[in-house]
Amino acid sequence: MPLRNRVTPFGEIIETPARGLLYGNRGVLHDEHRRLVRTWQVRRWIACLLSFQGRRRAEQMPPGRYTGLYFLDEATAFAAGHRPCAECRREDYRRFQEAWLVARPGASTLADDMDRVLHADRLGADRSKRRYRAALEELPDGAIITEGGAAWLVLGDQLRMWTPFGYTEVRSRREGTEVDVLTPASIVAVIAAGYRPWIHPTA
């Protein structure tokens, strides 16, 4: 039976046999029975490699340790509010820092400082997923929006509908349209500044 450990672009954690390209965590979210008792614990939400230096993510919910989570791709992890891991994805993390500085000149690129900004961007006062309105034509490739209750990846002149197994339905990107954006504003700025997120091959 699949565990509840797959993250959607809405930041929700669902149960599905689908996995994805990235692994990550946001603290200890489960109890001794591997049931989720919270949706986040710490401010440091990261996205990691599926394997690193011979370590595979075999034990998903070890007692008392962080809850392993899965993402379809980096665009999904970004939409949920995660950033690259500084250990197993060191080069991606450095690219993220560089783009962060381009988007926010003079800002600190220390992990804790970036995480404070990200945490404020991804969650509202009631701890629900924060969204914001933006012009669709101004969003960079790799951002994810929501329309009609679904999540849509922005890619070129198209939108691709997100599912746990990949991207399916295709729509045209419509100029002059305002949309609800799921990807936090600070991460959209990082993408716009030149960071290219990993996108699942179904897109």
Protein backbone atom coordinates (compact mmCIF):
# COMPACT_ATOMS: atom_id res chain seq x y z
CA MET A 1 0.00 0.00 0.00
CA PRO A 2 1.45 3.42 -0.93
CA LEU A 3 2.28 5.83 1.86
CA ARG A 4 1.00 9.36 2.06
CA ASN A 5 4.23 11.01 0.98
CA ARG A 6 3.73 12.55 -2.47
CA VAL A 7 3.63 16.37 -2.71
CA THR A 8 1.37 18.25 -5.12
CA PRO A 9 1.92 21.77 -6.49
CA PHE A 10 -0.64 22.92 -3.91
CA GLY A 11 1.77 21.82 -1.18
CA GLU A 12 -0.57 19.03 -0.13
CA ILE A 13 0.76 15.57 0.73
CA ILE A 14 -1.24 12.78 -0.87
CA GLU A 15 -1.26 8.99 -1.11
CA THR A 16 -0.45 7.61 -4.57
CA PRO A 17 1.72 4.86 -6.08
CA ALA A 18 3.29 7.47 -8.35
CA ARG A 19 6.77 8.69 -7.49
CA GLY A 20 8.85 11.21 -9.40
CA LEU A 21 12.25 12.76 -10.08
CA LEU A 22 12.99 14.29 -6.68
CA TYR A 23 12.85 13.47 -3.00
CA GLY A 24 12.82 15.86 -0.05
CA ASN A 25 11.54 16.75 3.37
CA ARG A 26 10.14 19.43 5.64
CA GLY A 27 10.76 17.78 9.02
CA VAL A 28 9.21 14.90 10.97
CA LEU A 29 5.57 14.72 9.89
CA HIS A 30 4.60 11.15 10.82
CA ASP A 31 3.95 9.14 13.99
CA GLU A 32 5.14 5.65 14.95
CA HIS A 33 2.45 4.16 12.70
CA ARG A 34 3.68 6.13 9.66
CA ARG A 35 0.59 8.31 9.66
CA LEU A 36 0.96 12.01 8.93
CA VAL A 37 0.18 14.16 11.97
CA ARG A 38 1.30 17.50 10.47
CA THR A 39 2.08 18.89 7.02
CA TRP A 40 5.34 20.61 8.00
CA GLN A 41 7.57 20.96 11.04
CA VAL A 42 10.57 23.09 10.10
CA ARG A 43 11.15 26.13 7.92
CA ARG A 44 13.76 24.35 5.78
CA TRP A 45 11.82 22.69 2.95
CA ILE A 46 14.25 21.04 0.53
CA ALA A 47 14.21 18.94 -2.64
CA CYS A 48 16.88 16.25 -2.98
CA LEU A 49 18.20 13.61 -5.35
CA LEU A 50 16.59 10.18 -5.26
CA SER A 51 20.01 8.71 -4.45
CA PHE A 52 23.25 10.30 -3.28
CA GLN A 53 26.70 8.81 -2.59
CA GLY A 54 25.27 5.31 -2.53
CA ARG A 55 22.43 6.27 -0.20
CA ARG A 56 18.99 5.42 -1.53
CA ARG A 57 15.77 6.60 0.05
CA ALA A 58 14.62 3.09 0.95
CA GLU A 59 13.13 3.76 4.38
CA GLN A 60 10.45 6.38 3.83
CA MET A 61 9.27 7.05 7.36
CA PRO A 62 11.83 5.85 9.92
CA PRO A 63 10.66 6.33 13.53
CA GLY A 64 11.63 9.74 14.90
CA ARG A 65 13.35 10.86 11.70
CA TYR A 66 12.28 13.16 8.89
CA THR A 67 9.45 12.16 6.58
CA GLY A 68 10.64 11.36 3.07
CA LEU A 69 8.55 13.13 0.42
CA TYR A 70 8.41 12.78 -3.38
CA PHE A 71 7.87 15.31 -6.17
CA LEU A 72 7.01 14.73 -9.81
CA ASP A 73 9.76 17.19 -10.75
CA GLU A 74 11.45 20.38 -9.60
CA ALA A 75 8.68 22.59 -10.97
CA THR A 76 6.33 20.74 -8.59
CA ALA A 77 8.75 21.05 -5.67
CA PHE A 78 9.13 24.77 -6.38
CA ALA A 79 5.35 25.28 -6.54
CA ALA A 80 5.01 23.62 -3.15
CA GLY A 81 7.71 25.93 -1.76
CA HIS A 82 10.82 23.69 -1.63
CA ARG A 83 14.31 24.72 -2.75
CA PRO A 84 17.35 22.66 -3.86
CA CYS A 85 19.24 20.76 -1.16
CA ALA A 86 22.67 22.29 -0.45
CA GLU A 87 24.29 18.87 0.08
CA CYS A 88 23.16 16.40 -2.58
CA ARG A 89 22.32 19.08 -5.17
CA ARG A 90 25.18 21.45 -4.50
CA GLU A 91 25.47 22.81 -8.05
CA ASP A 92 21.73 23.41 -8.32
CA TYR A 93 21.78 25.08 -4.91
CA ARG A 94 24.56 27.43 -6.04
CA ARG A 95 22.65 28.26 -9.23
CA PHE A 96 19.61 28.97 -7.06
CA GLN A 97 21.67 31.31 -4.85
CA GLU A 98 23.05 33.13 -7.88
CA ALA A 99 19.59 33.64 -9.37
CA TRP A 100 18.26 34.66 -5.94
CA LEU A 101 20.85 37.43 -5.82
CA VAL A 102 19.96 38.59 -9.34
CA ALA A 103 16.29 38.73 -8.35
CA ARG A 104 17.01 40.37 -4.97
CA PRO A 105 20.19 42.47 -5.28
CA GLY A 106 22.01 42.77 -1.98
CA ALA A 107 19.93 40.09 -0.27
CA SER A 108 21.51 37.36 1.81
CA THR A 109 21.89 33.98 0.13
CA LEU A 110 22.48 32.10 3.38
CA ALA A 111 20.14 29.10 3.60
CA ASP A 112 18.42 30.29 6.78
CA ASP A 113 17.78 33.75 5.35
CA MET A 114 16.40 32.41 2.07
CA ASP A 115 14.24 29.94 3.98
CA ARG A 116 12.68 32.77 6.02
CA VAL A 117 11.63 34.52 2.82
CA LEU A 118 10.39 31.29 1.26
CA HIS A 119 8.39 30.36 4.35
CA ALA A 120 6.59 33.70 4.32
CA ASP A 121 5.91 33.31 0.59
CA ARG A 122 4.53 29.78 0.67
CA LEU A 123 2.18 29.97 3.67
CA GLY A 124 -0.48 32.49 4.66
CA ALA A 125 -1.31 33.65 8.19
CA ASP A 126 -3.66 30.68 8.59
CA ARG A 127 -0.89 28.31 7.39
CA SER A 128 -2.74 27.60 4.14
CA LYS A 129 -0.99 27.69 0.75
CA ARG A 130 -0.36 31.26 -0.29
CA ARG A 131 -1.31 32.20 -3.86
CA TYR A 132 -1.04 35.47 -5.71
CA ARG A 133 -2.40 36.99 -8.91
CA ALA A 134 -0.19 37.67 -11.91
CA ALA A 135 -0.41 38.21 -15.64
CA LEU A 136 -0.07 34.84 -17.35
CA GLU A 137 2.16 36.13 -20.16
CA GLU A 138 4.67 37.47 -17.61
CA LEU A 139 5.28 34.14 -15.88
CA PRO A 140 8.49 32.23 -16.73
CA ASP A 141 8.56 28.63 -17.93
CA GLY A 142 8.49 26.32 -14.91
CA ALA A 143 6.01 28.33 -12.86
CA ILE A 144 2.78 26.55 -11.91
CA ILE A 145 -0.65 28.17 -11.74
CA THR A 146 -4.10 26.94 -10.79
CA GLU A 147 -7.30 27.11 -12.81
CA GLY A 148 -10.52 25.17 -12.36
CA GLY A 149 -9.16 23.33 -9.33
CA ALA A 150 -6.23 21.89 -11.31
CA ALA A 151 -2.54 22.82 -11.41
CA TRP A 152 -0.99 23.87 -14.74
CA LEU A 153 2.67 24.13 -15.71
CA VAL A 154 3.64 27.20 -17.74
CA LEU A 155 5.79 26.09 -20.68
CA GLY A 156 6.35 28.16 -23.79
CA ASP A 157 3.04 29.23 -25.27
CA GLN A 158 1.22 26.38 -23.51
CA LEU A 159 -0.11 25.22 -20.16
CA ARG A 160 0.28 21.54 -19.21
CA MET A 161 -2.04 20.01 -16.60
CA TRP A 162 -0.25 18.43 -13.63
CA THR A 163 -1.12 14.92 -12.41
CA PRO A 164 0.83 12.69 -9.99
CA PHE A 165 2.04 10.61 -12.97
CA GLY A 166 2.99 13.46 -15.28
CA TYR A 167 1.58 16.26 -17.42
CA THR A 168 -1.45 15.54 -19.58
CA GLU A 169 -3.96 17.99 -21.07
CA VAL A 170 -2.54 20.94 -23.00
CA ARG A 171 -3.99 24.45 -23.26
CA SER A 172 -2.76 27.60 -24.95
CA ARG A 173 -1.29 30.35 -22.82
CA ARG A 174 -3.68 33.27 -23.16
CA GLU A 175 -2.33 36.82 -23.22
CA GLY A 176 -4.07 39.41 -21.08
CA THR A 177 -5.17 36.78 -18.56
CA GLU A 178 -4.62 37.10 -14.81
CA VAL A 179 -4.17 33.83 -12.96
CA ASP A 180 -3.61 32.44 -9.47
CA VAL A 181 0.03 31.45 -9.13
CA LEU A 182 1.03 28.51 -6.90
CA THR A 183 4.80 28.89 -7.22
CA PRO A 184 5.92 31.35 -4.49
CA ALA A 185 6.75 34.83 -5.78
CA SER A 186 10.38 34.62 -4.63
CA ILE A 187 10.88 31.37 -6.58
CA VAL A 188 9.15 32.77 -9.67
CA ALA A 189 11.67 35.61 -9.47
CA VAL A 190 14.53 33.09 -9.24
CA ILE A 191 13.25 31.27 -12.35
CA ALA A 192 12.84 34.58 -14.18
CA ALA A 193 16.42 35.44 -13.20
CA GLY A 194 17.74 32.41 -15.07
CA TYR A 195 17.30 29.28 -12.95
CA ARG A 196 15.85 26.47 -15.07
CA PRO A 197 13.95 23.90 -12.99
CA TRP A 198 13.88 20.21 -13.85
CA ILE A 199 10.63 19.41 -15.67
CA HIS A 200 9.19 15.92 -16.04
CA PRO A 201 9.66 14.49 -19.58
CA THR A 202 5.88 14.13 -20.05
CA ALA A 203 5.78 17.90 -20.51
